[in-house]
C-alpha atoms as a PDB file:
ATOM      1  CA  UNK A   1      -8.568  -8.190 -48.020  1.00  0.00           C
ATOM      2  CA  UNK A   2      -8.857 -10.327 -44.989  1.00  0.00           C
ATOM      3  CA  UNK A   3     -12.068 -11.180 -45.323  1.00  0.00           C
ATOM      4  CA  UNK A   4     -11.645 -11.670 -48.883  1.00  0.00           C
ATOM      5  CA  UNK A   5      -9.595 -14.067 -48.584  1.00  0.00           C
ATOM      6  CA  UNK A   6     -11.470 -15.652 -45.583  1.00  0.00           C
ATOM      7  CA  UNK A   7     -14.742 -16.075 -48.108  1.00  0.00           C
ATOM      8  CA  UNK A   8     -12.856 -17.255 -50.283  1.00  0.00           C
ATOM      9  CA  UNK A   9     -11.079 -20.184 -48.266  1.00  0.00           C
ATOM     10  CA  UNK A  10     -14.278 -20.389 -46.698  1.00  0.00           C
ATOM     11  CA  UNK A  11     -15.716 -21.710 -50.279  1.00  0.00           C
ATOM     12  CA  UNK A  12     -12.959 -23.866 -51.810  1.00  0.00           C
ATOM     13  CA  UNK A  13     -12.983 -26.100 -48.302  1.00  0.00           C
ATOM     14  CA  UNK A  14     -17.253 -26.437 -48.773  1.00  0.00           C
ATOM     15  CA  UNK A  15     -16.697 -27.469 -52.478  1.00  0.00           C
ATOM     16  CA  UNK A  16     -13.867 -29.568 -51.002  1.00  0.00           C
ATOM     17  CA  UNK A  17     -16.007 -31.733 -48.659  1.00  0.00           C
ATOM     18  CA  UNK A  18     -19.131 -31.246 -51.629  1.00  0.00           C
ATOM     19  CA  UNK A  19     -16.035 -33.085 -53.185  1.00  0.00           C
ATOM     20  CA  UNK A  20     -14.866 -35.932 -51.039  1.00  0.00           C
ATOM     21  CA  UNK A  21     -18.933 -37.089 -50.216  1.00  0.00           C
ATOM     22  CA  UNK A  22     -18.931 -37.281 -53.685  1.00  0.00           C
ATOM     23  CA  UNK A  23     -16.607 -39.348 -53.731  1.00  0.00           C
ATOM     24  CA  UNK A  24     -17.724 -41.936 -51.112  1.00  0.00           C
ATOM     25  CA  UNK A  25     -21.346 -41.708 -52.361  1.00  0.00           C
ATOM     26  CA  UNK A  26     -19.230 -43.054 -55.965  1.00  0.00           C
ATOM     27  CA  UNK A  27     -17.607 -46.124 -53.498  1.00  0.00           C
ATOM     28  CA  UNK A  28     -21.488 -47.304 -54.385  1.00  0.00           C
ATOM     29  CA  UNK A  29     -21.927 -47.112 -57.981  1.00  0.00           C
ATOM     30  CA  UNK A  30     -24.502 -44.131 -59.035  1.00  0.00           C
ATOM     31  CA  UNK A  31     -26.455 -46.086 -56.638  1.00  0.00           C
ATOM     32  CA  UNK A  32     -25.392 -45.364 -53.871  1.00  0.00           C
ATOM     33  CA  UNK A  33     -24.496 -42.663 -54.743  1.00  0.00           C
ATOM     34  CA  UNK A  34     -27.911 -41.252 -55.587  1.00  0.00           C
ATOM     35  CA  UNK A  35     -28.941 -42.607 -52.144  1.00  0.00           C
ATOM     36  CA  UNK A  36     -25.343 -40.127 -50.289  1.00  0.00           C
ATOM     37  CA  UNK A  37     -26.979 -37.186 -51.544  1.00  0.00           C
ATOM     38  CA  UNK A  38     -30.486 -37.234 -50.997  1.00  0.00           C
ATOM     39  CA  UNK A  39     -29.678 -38.991 -47.629  1.00  0.00           C
ATOM     40  CA  UNK A  40     -27.685 -35.134 -47.351  1.00  0.00           C
ATOM     41  CA  UNK A  41     -30.508 -32.970 -48.253  1.00  0.00           C
ATOM     42  CA  UNK A  42     -33.252 -34.520 -46.215  1.00  0.00           C
ATOM     43  CA  UNK A  43     -30.466 -33.413 -43.059  1.00  0.00           C
ATOM     44  CA  UNK A  44     -30.028 -30.819 -44.806  1.00  0.00           C
ATOM     45  CA  UNK A  45     -33.805 -29.785 -45.186  1.00  0.00           C
ATOM     46  CA  UNK A  46     -33.594 -30.057 -41.785  1.00  0.00           C
ATOM     47  CA  UNK A  47     -30.559 -28.262 -40.053  1.00  0.00           C
ATOM     48  CA  UNK A  48     -31.795 -25.451 -42.267  1.00  0.00           C
ATOM     49  CA  UNK A  49     -35.347 -25.326 -40.116  1.00  0.00           C
ATOM     50  CA  UNK A  50     -34.301 -26.615 -37.524  1.00  0.00           C
ATOM     51  CA  UNK A  51     -30.597 -26.237 -36.005  1.00  0.00           C
ATOM     52  CA  UNK A  52     -30.959 -23.371 -34.514  1.00  0.00           C
ATOM     53  CA  UNK A  53     -34.190 -24.971 -32.066  1.00  0.00           C
ATOM     54  CA  UNK A  54     -31.507 -28.444 -31.918  1.00  0.00           C
ATOM     55  CA  UNK A  55     -28.609 -25.999 -30.548  1.00  0.00           C
ATOM     56  CA  UNK A  56     -29.883 -23.576 -27.650  1.00  0.00           C
ATOM     57  CA  UNK A  57     -32.428 -27.333 -26.801  1.00  0.00           C
ATOM     58  CA  UNK A  58     -28.987 -28.656 -26.051  1.00  0.00           C
ATOM     59  CA  UNK A  59     -27.976 -26.271 -23.714  1.00  0.00           C
ATOM     60  CA  UNK A  60     -30.766 -26.210 -21.886  1.00  0.00           C
ATOM     61  CA  UNK A  61     -31.180 -22.316 -23.368  1.00  0.00           C
ATOM     62  CA  UNK A  62     -33.728 -20.325 -21.497  1.00  0.00           C
ATOM     63  CA  UNK A  63     -34.984 -17.180 -23.419  1.00  0.00           C
ATOM     64  CA  UNK A  64     -35.093 -14.073 -21.878  1.00  0.00           C
ATOM     65  CA  UNK A  65     -36.270 -10.715 -23.028  1.00  0.00           C
ATOM     66  CA  UNK A  66     -36.086  -7.398 -22.063  1.00  0.00           C
ATOM     67  CA  UNK A  67     -37.832  -7.838 -18.559  1.00  0.00           C
ATOM     68  CA  UNK A  68     -36.394 -10.591 -17.196  1.00  0.00           C
ATOM     69  CA  UNK A  69     -32.610 -10.564 -19.143  1.00  0.00           C
ATOM     70  CA  UNK A  70     -31.410  -7.505 -16.892  1.00  0.00           C
ATOM     71  CA  UNK A  71     -28.045  -6.215 -18.305  1.00  0.00           C
ATOM     72  CA  UNK A  72     -27.203  -9.072 -21.046  1.00  0.00           C
ATOM     73  CA  UNK A  73     -30.674  -7.545 -23.011  1.00  0.00           C
ATOM     74  CA  UNK A  74     -29.304  -4.898 -23.019  1.00  0.00           C
ATOM     75  CA  UNK A  75     -25.749  -4.945 -23.680  1.00  0.00           C
ATOM     76  CA  UNK A  76     -27.531  -7.394 -27.185  1.00  0.00           C
ATOM     77  CA  UNK A  77     -30.007  -4.948 -28.135  1.00  0.00           C
ATOM     78  CA  UNK A  78     -26.953  -1.812 -27.937  1.00  0.00           C
ATOM     79  CA  UNK A  79     -24.668  -4.277 -29.486  1.00  0.00           C
ATOM     80  CA  UNK A  80     -27.270  -4.388 -32.621  1.00  0.00           C
ATOM     81  CA  UNK A  81     -28.460  -1.299 -33.325  1.00  0.00           C
ATOM     82  CA  UNK A  82     -25.121  -0.815 -34.146  1.00  0.00           C
ATOM     83  CA  UNK A  83     -24.336  -3.975 -36.285  1.00  0.00           C
ATOM     84  CA  UNK A  84     -27.380  -2.794 -38.010  1.00  0.00           C
ATOM     85  CA  UNK A  85     -29.331  -5.966 -37.266  1.00  0.00           C
ATOM     86  CA  UNK A  86     -32.921  -7.253 -36.521  1.00  0.00           C
ATOM     87  CA  UNK A  87     -32.768  -8.636 -32.528  1.00  0.00           C
ATOM     88  CA  UNK A  88     -32.233 -12.114 -31.720  1.00  0.00           C
ATOM     89  CA  UNK A  89     -33.425 -14.252 -28.971  1.00  0.00           C
ATOM     90  CA  UNK A  90     -31.518 -14.806 -25.613  1.00  0.00           C
ATOM     91  CA  UNK A  91     -30.907 -17.481 -24.121  1.00  0.00           C
ATOM     92  CA  UNK A  92     -29.058 -18.116 -20.484  1.00  0.00           C
ATOM     93  CA  UNK A  93     -28.336 -21.460 -20.382  1.00  0.00           C
ATOM     94  CA  UNK A  94     -27.706 -22.942 -16.755  1.00  0.00           C
ATOM     95  CA  UNK A  95     -23.614 -24.278 -17.268  1.00  0.00           C
ATOM     96  CA  UNK A  96     -21.294 -23.434 -15.557  1.00  0.00           C
ATOM     97  CA  UNK A  97     -18.138 -23.503 -17.914  1.00  0.00           C
ATOM     98  CA  UNK A  98     -17.831 -20.121 -19.505  1.00  0.00           C
ATOM     99  CA  UNK A  99     -19.117 -19.636 -22.549  1.00  0.00           C
ATOM    100  CA  UNK A 100     -21.561 -18.473 -25.396  1.00  0.00           C
ATOM    101  CA  UNK A 101     -22.833 -18.921 -29.324  1.00  0.00           C
ATOM    102  CA  UNK A 102     -24.749 -17.935 -31.555  1.00  0.00           C
ATOM    103  CA  UNK A 103     -27.020 -19.829 -34.307  1.00  0.00           C
ATOM    104  CA  UNK A 104     -29.924 -19.338 -36.520  1.00  0.00           C
ATOM    105  CA  UNK A 105     -30.495 -19.692 -40.475  1.00  0.00           C
ATOM    106  CA  UNK A 106     -30.524 -15.724 -41.087  1.00  0.00           C
ATOM    107  CA  UNK A 107     -29.526 -12.663 -38.680  1.00  0.00           C
ATOM    108  CA  UNK A 108     -34.297 -12.718 -39.357  1.00  0.00           C
ATOM    109  CA  UNK A 109     -33.788 -16.148 -36.931  1.00  0.00           C
ATOM    110  CA  UNK A 110     -30.641 -15.852 -35.188  1.00  0.00           C
ATOM    111  CA  UNK A 111     -30.470 -16.374 -31.375  1.00  0.00           C
ATOM    112  CA  UNK A 112     -27.837 -15.473 -28.822  1.00  0.00           C
ATOM    113  CA  UNK A 113     -27.156 -18.094 -25.659  1.00  0.00           C
ATOM    114  CA  UNK A 114     -24.383 -17.251 -23.123  1.00  0.00           C
ATOM    115  CA  UNK A 115     -24.278 -19.232 -20.364  1.00  0.00           C
ATOM    116  CA  UNK A 116     -24.485 -18.621 -16.714  1.00  0.00           C
ATOM    117  CA  UNK A 117     -20.557 -18.622 -16.078  1.00  0.00           C
ATOM    118  CA  UNK A 118     -20.024 -16.186 -18.033  1.00  0.00           C
ATOM    119  CA  UNK A 119     -22.337 -13.864 -16.839  1.00  0.00           C
ATOM    120  CA  UNK A 120     -20.755 -14.130 -13.798  1.00  0.00           C
ATOM    121  CA  UNK A 121     -17.609 -14.245 -15.050  1.00  0.00           C
ATOM    122  CA  UNK A 122     -17.218 -11.290 -16.896  1.00  0.00           C
ATOM    123  CA  UNK A 123     -17.779  -7.802 -16.588  1.00  0.00           C
ATOM    124  CA  UNK A 124     -19.971  -5.103 -18.624  1.00  0.00           C
ATOM    125  CA  UNK A 125     -16.663  -4.359 -21.228  1.00  0.00           C
ATOM    126  CA  UNK A 126     -15.751  -7.872 -21.899  1.00  0.00           C
ATOM    127  CA  UNK A 127     -19.775  -9.258 -22.325  1.00  0.00           C
ATOM    128  CA  UNK A 128     -20.210  -6.880 -25.724  1.00  0.00           C
ATOM    129  CA  UNK A 129     -17.041  -7.659 -26.752  1.00  0.00           C
ATOM    130  CA  UNK A 130     -18.348 -11.654 -26.233  1.00  0.00           C
ATOM    131  CA  UNK A 131     -21.739 -10.476 -27.917  1.00  0.00           C
ATOM    132  CA  UNK A 132     -20.612  -8.439 -30.774  1.00  0.00           C
ATOM    133  CA  UNK A 133     -18.381 -11.059 -32.248  1.00  0.00           C
ATOM    134  CA  UNK A 134     -21.286 -13.177 -31.901  1.00  0.00           C
ATOM    135  CA  UNK A 135     -23.368 -10.598 -33.360  1.00  0.00           C
ATOM    136  CA  UNK A 136     -20.528 -10.435 -36.126  1.00  0.00           C
ATOM    137  CA  UNK A 137     -21.368 -14.643 -36.840  1.00  0.00           C
ATOM    138  CA  UNK A 138     -24.626 -13.592 -37.204  1.00  0.00           C
ATOM    139  CA  UNK A 139     -24.417 -10.674 -39.433  1.00  0.00           C
ATOM    140  CA  UNK A 140     -21.459 -12.928 -41.923  1.00  0.00           C
ATOM    141  CA  UNK A 141     -24.481 -16.034 -41.721  1.00  0.00           C
ATOM    142  CA  UNK A 142     -21.139 -17.847 -40.170  1.00  0.00           C
ATOM    143  CA  UNK A 143     -23.983 -19.731 -38.321  1.00  0.00           C
ATOM    144  CA  UNK A 144     -25.623 -21.187 -41.879  1.00  0.00           C
ATOM    145  CA  UNK A 145     -22.569 -22.036 -42.994  1.00  0.00           C
ATOM    146  CA  UNK A 146     -21.075 -23.876 -39.840  1.00  0.00           C
ATOM    147  CA  UNK A 147     -24.632 -25.814 -39.938  1.00  0.00           C
ATOM    148  CA  UNK A 148     -24.083 -26.585 -43.167  1.00  0.00           C
ATOM    149  CA  UNK A 149     -20.347 -28.124 -42.825  1.00  0.00           C
ATOM    150  CA  UNK A 150     -21.276 -29.919 -39.613  1.00  0.00           C
ATOM    151  CA  UNK A 151     -24.145 -31.330 -41.808  1.00  0.00           C
ATOM    152  CA  UNK A 152     -22.536 -32.723 -44.279  1.00  0.00           C
ATOM    153  CA  UNK A 153     -19.270 -33.771 -42.699  1.00  0.00           C
ATOM    154  CA  UNK A 154     -22.200 -35.476 -39.893  1.00  0.00           C
ATOM    155  CA  UNK A 155     -23.204 -37.607 -43.101  1.00  0.00           C
ATOM    156  CA  UNK A 156     -20.039 -38.468 -44.229  1.00  0.00           C
ATOM    157  CA  UNK A 157     -19.196 -39.912 -40.808  1.00  0.00           C
ATOM    158  CA  UNK A 158     -22.060 -42.016 -40.853  1.00  0.00           C
ATOM    159  CA  UNK A 159     -21.644 -43.191 -44.424  1.00  0.00           C
ATOM    160  CA  UNK A 160     -17.593 -44.446 -44.010  1.00  0.00           C
ATOM    161  CA  UNK A 161     -19.398 -45.851 -40.509  1.00  0.00           C
ATOM    162  CA  UNK A 162     -21.443 -47.806 -42.511  1.00  0.00           C
ATOM    163  CA  UNK A 163     -19.170 -48.781 -45.353  1.00  0.00           C
ATOM    164  CA  UNK A 164     -17.105 -49.920 -42.727  1.00  0.00           C
ATOM    165  CA  UNK A 165     -19.499 -52.307 -40.503  1.00  0.00           C
ATOM    166  CA  UNK A 166     -20.527 -54.203 -43.960  1.00  0.00           C
ATOM    167  CA  UNK A 167     -16.911 -54.437 -45.586  1.00  0.00           C
ATOM    168  CA  UNK A 168     -17.472 -51.660 -48.337  1.00  0.00           C
ATOM    169  CA  UNK A 169     -16.679 -52.057 -51.837  1.00  0.00           C
ATOM    170  CA  UNK A 170     -18.874 -50.735 -54.420  1.00  0.00           C
ATOM    171  CA  UNK A 171     -20.698 -54.100 -56.058  1.00  0.00           C
ATOM    172  CA  UNK A 172     -18.695 -54.053 -59.322  1.00  0.00           C
ATOM    173  CA  UNK A 173     -15.379 -55.277 -57.913  1.00  0.00           C
ATOM    174  CA  UNK A 174     -13.358 -53.028 -56.604  1.00  0.00           C
ATOM    175  CA  UNK A 175     -11.090 -53.267 -53.841  1.00  0.00           C
ATOM    176  CA  UNK A 176     -12.277 -53.247 -50.360  1.00  0.00           C
ATOM    177  CA  UNK A 177      -9.814 -52.602 -48.539  1.00  0.00           C
ATOM    178  CA  UNK A 178     -10.013 -49.291 -51.209  1.00  0.00           C
ATOM    179  CA  UNK A 179     -13.045 -48.714 -49.594  1.00  0.00           C
ATOM    180  CA  UNK A 180     -12.494 -48.872 -46.353  1.00  0.00           C
ATOM    181  CA  UNK A 181      -9.301 -46.285 -46.760  1.00  0.00           C
ATOM    182  CA  UNK A 182     -11.906 -43.306 -48.430  1.00  0.00           C
ATOM    183  CA  UNK A 183     -14.319 -44.513 -46.287  1.00  0.00           C
ATOM    184  CA  UNK A 184     -11.830 -43.978 -43.018  1.00  0.00           C
ATOM    185  CA  UNK A 185     -10.348 -40.742 -44.966  1.00  0.00           C
ATOM    186  CA  UNK A 186     -13.821 -39.413 -46.255  1.00  0.00           C
ATOM    187  CA  UNK A 187     -14.646 -38.958 -42.395  1.00  0.00           C
ATOM    188  CA  UNK A 188     -11.199 -37.803 -41.585  1.00  0.00           C
ATOM    189  CA  UNK A 189     -11.028 -35.718 -44.099  1.00  0.00           C
ATOM    190  CA  UNK A 190     -14.756 -33.634 -43.368  1.00  0.00           C
ATOM    191  CA  UNK A 191     -13.643 -33.321 -39.788  1.00  0.00           C
ATOM    192  CA  UNK A 192     -10.450 -31.697 -40.518  1.00  0.00           C
ATOM    193  CA  UNK A 193     -12.103 -29.774 -43.150  1.00  0.00           C
ATOM    194  CA  UNK A 194     -15.016 -28.721 -41.155  1.00  0.00           C
ATOM    195  CA  UNK A 195     -12.599 -27.614 -38.499  1.00  0.00           C
ATOM    196  CA  UNK A 196     -10.502 -25.364 -40.504  1.00  0.00           C
ATOM    197  CA  UNK A 197     -13.752 -23.494 -41.777  1.00  0.00           C
ATOM    198  CA  UNK A 198     -14.242 -22.759 -38.746  1.00  0.00           C
ATOM    199  CA  UNK A 199     -10.944 -21.388 -37.677  1.00  0.00           C
ATOM    200  CA  UNK A 200     -11.165 -19.172 -41.166  1.00  0.00           C
ATOM    201  CA  UNK A 201     -14.191 -17.456 -39.970  1.00  0.00           C
ATOM    202  CA  UNK A 202     -13.418 -16.267 -36.326  1.00  0.00           C
ATOM    203  CA  UNK A 203     -10.389 -14.674 -37.342  1.00  0.00           C
ATOM    204  CA  UNK A 204     -12.845 -12.371 -39.649  1.00  0.00           C
ATOM    205  CA  UNK A 205     -16.101 -12.422 -36.141  1.00  0.00           C
ATOM    206  CA  UNK A 206     -12.811 -11.056 -34.302  1.00  0.00           C
ATOM    207  CA  UNK A 207     -12.587  -8.009 -36.421  1.00  0.00           C
ATOM    208  CA  UNK A 208     -16.158  -7.775 -37.254  1.00  0.00           C
ATOM    209  CA  UNK A 209     -17.020  -8.601 -33.104  1.00  0.00           C
ATOM    210  CA  UNK A 210     -14.557  -5.175 -32.502  1.00  0.00           C
ATOM    211  CA  UNK A 211     -15.663  -2.844 -34.907  1.00  0.00           C
ATOM    212  CA  UNK A 212     -19.160  -3.390 -33.799  1.00  0.00           C
ATOM    213  CA  UNK A 213     -18.388  -3.203 -30.013  1.00  0.00           C
ATOM    214  CA  UNK A 214     -16.113  -0.625 -31.180  1.00  0.00           C
ATOM    215  CA  UNK A 215     -12.664  -1.222 -29.603  1.00  0.00           C
ATOM    216  CA  UNK A 216     -11.425  -5.093 -29.732  1.00  0.00           C
ATOM    217  CA  UNK A 217     -10.444  -4.423 -25.802  1.00  0.00           C
ATOM    218  CA  UNK A 218     -13.068  -5.899 -24.286  1.00  0.00           C
ATOM    219  CA  UNK A 219     -12.847  -9.354 -26.252  1.00  0.00           C
ATOM    220  CA  UNK A 220      -9.812  -9.531 -25.758  1.00  0.00           C
ATOM    221  CA  UNK A 221      -9.601  -9.827 -22.563  1.00  0.00           C
ATOM    222  CA  UNK A 222     -12.921 -12.105 -22.602  1.00  0.00           C
ATOM    223  CA  UNK A 223     -10.710 -14.621 -24.626  1.00  0.00           C
ATOM    224  CA  UNK A 224      -7.998 -14.303 -22.249  1.00  0.00           C
ATOM    225  CA  UNK A 225     -10.373 -15.218 -19.646  1.00  0.00           C
ATOM    226  CA  UNK A 226     -13.004 -17.415 -20.981  1.00  0.00           C
ATOM    227  CA  UNK A 227      -9.923 -19.632 -22.215  1.00  0.00           C
ATOM    228  CA  UNK A 228      -8.314 -20.276 -18.926  1.00  0.00           C
ATOM    229  CA  UNK A 229     -11.463 -21.604 -17.789  1.00  0.00           C
ATOM    230  CA  UNK A 230     -13.036 -23.696 -19.750  1.00  0.00           C
ATOM    231  CA  UNK A 231      -9.963 -25.080 -18.908  1.00  0.00           C
ATOM    232  CA  UNK A 232     -10.690 -25.510 -16.471  1.00  0.00           C
ATOM    233  CA  UNK A 233     -14.435 -26.462 -16.095  1.00  0.00           C
ATOM    234  CA  UNK A 234     -15.774 -28.355 -18.939  1.00  0.00           C
ATOM    235  CA  UNK A 235     -19.058 -28.091 -21.064  1.00  0.00           C
ATOM    236  CA  UNK A 236     -20.717 -30.579 -20.675  1.00  0.00           C
ATOM    237  CA  UNK A 237     -22.949 -30.973 -23.880  1.00  0.00           C
ATOM    238  CA  UNK A 238     -24.587 -33.946 -26.074  1.00  0.00           C
ATOM    239  CA  UNK A 239     -23.129 -33.462 -29.045  1.00  0.00           C
ATOM    240  CA  UNK A 240     -19.367 -32.485 -29.263  1.00  0.00           C
ATOM    241  CA  UNK A 241     -20.280 -31.667 -33.038  1.00  0.00           C
ATOM    242  CA  UNK A 242     -21.471 -27.931 -31.665  1.00  0.00           C
ATOM    243  CA  UNK A 243     -17.782 -26.435 -30.367  1.00  0.00           C
ATOM    244  CA  UNK A 244     -17.910 -24.640 -33.496  1.00  0.00           C
ATOM    245  CA  UNK A 245     -20.530 -22.473 -32.217  1.00  0.00           C
ATOM    246  CA  UNK A 246     -18.866 -21.545 -29.801  1.00  0.00           C
ATOM    247  CA  UNK A 247     -16.660 -18.897 -28.936  1.00  0.00           C
ATOM    248  CA  UNK A 248     -13.964 -20.969 -27.489  1.00  0.00           C
ATOM    249  CA  UNK A 249     -13.397 -25.082 -28.116  1.00  0.00           C
ATOM    250  CA  UNK A 250     -14.823 -26.041 -24.941  1.00  0.00           C
ATOM    251  CA  UNK A 251     -12.566 -29.113 -24.559  1.00  0.00           C
ATOM    252  CA  UNK A 252      -9.000 -28.954 -24.287  1.00  0.00           C
ATOM    253  CA  UNK A 253      -6.522 -31.675 -25.363  1.00  0.00           C
ATOM    254  CA  UNK A 254      -3.219 -32.536 -26.855  1.00  0.00           C
ATOM    255  CA  UNK A 255      -1.959 -32.071 -30.657  1.00  0.00           C
ATOM    256  CA  UNK A 256      -4.564 -34.659 -31.886  1.00  0.00           C
ATOM    257  CA  UNK A 257      -7.119 -33.039 -30.534  1.00  0.00           C
ATOM    258  CA  UNK A 258      -6.047 -29.591 -31.911  1.00  0.00           C
ATOM    259  CA  UNK A 259      -6.356 -31.159 -35.790  1.00  0.00           C
ATOM    260  CA  UNK A 260      -9.839 -30.540 -34.623  1.00  0.00           C
ATOM    261  CA  UNK A 261      -9.981 -28.418 -32.845  1.00  0.00           C
ATOM    262  CA  UNK A 262     -12.296 -26.008 -35.088  1.00  0.00           C
ATOM    263  CA  UNK A 263     -10.999 -22.914 -32.935  1.00  0.00           C
ATOM    264  CA  UNK A 264      -7.757 -20.460 -33.473  1.00  0.00           C
ATOM    265  CA  UNK A 265      -5.415 -20.204 -30.938  1.00  0.00           C
ATOM    266  CA  UNK A 266      -6.831 -17.945 -28.391  1.00  0.00           C
ATOM    267  CA  UNK A 267      -2.607 -16.527 -28.417  1.00  0.00           C
ATOM    268  CA  UNK A 268      -3.076 -15.627 -31.916  1.00  0.00           C
ATOM    269  CA  UNK A 269      -6.457 -14.527 -32.756  1.00  0.00           C
ATOM    270  CA  UNK A 270      -5.500 -11.975 -29.340  1.00  0.00           C
ATOM    271  CA  UNK A 271      -2.844 -10.847 -31.244  1.00  0.00           C
ATOM    272  CA  UNK A 272      -4.806 -10.560 -34.587  1.00  0.00           C
ATOM    273  CA  UNK A 273      -6.240  -7.901 -33.020  1.00  0.00           C
ATOM    274  CA  UNK A 274      -4.537  -6.152 -30.989  1.00  0.00           C
ATOM    275  CA  UNK A 275      -1.662  -5.975 -33.366  1.00  0.00           C
ATOM    276  CA  UNK A 276      -3.161  -7.485 -36.576  1.00  0.00           C
ATOM    277  CA  UNK A 277      -1.145 -10.286 -37.394  1.00  0.00           C
END
């Protein structure tokens, strides 16, 4: 039931984002809408084929194998068998901030990455919980959903930036102020919707990850540790738009930041794992 509700919520949110996208394009008339759709289509094609490479490169990931990956590779291999998935590529990222993420447009093109900080911080059971969570994202194709959402949000922000720069307007006697307000609302609305999509998928990945690992204990402990240490050690990465990929929010902040947070509060995730609430 929870999975069905979250899938429905994701579909509604994705539809809402596309509605905002078309609304912004309409501000420039038919040509503007066609350009926006074409530009968005190109961005989606790029994201479809290269999102995994872009994410790994941004984090300076180094691929490891069965020979060089040690215990991490063994854990991934064991859990992916339990999940019924092909073996993803495994990467280690040279960052002290403890975190992990999965990327790739499909299970056959997936990758799992873990930072050096996480390898040092987590014990085997906690690492199993983290990897199981990331494999759940791969199995549920959340990485593709997040990629599409991020791409649409990015295009909207780009269009909004140019709309504000050139004063908006649709060239048909429309109110420029209305156009500017539309651009602002579109950019903010897209960011909020993107965050809501990511949050709704985290609860499902947590529950599915606990089933893959065989127990929620490791993931619960890992989430608590990662949340605590992520507040102390900032994750240095060039693209905050990728925050939704990580198992815990890389950056902490006030209420405005929380509005755009790509993850639900860790205490709520832990409660859902332990008590189903």
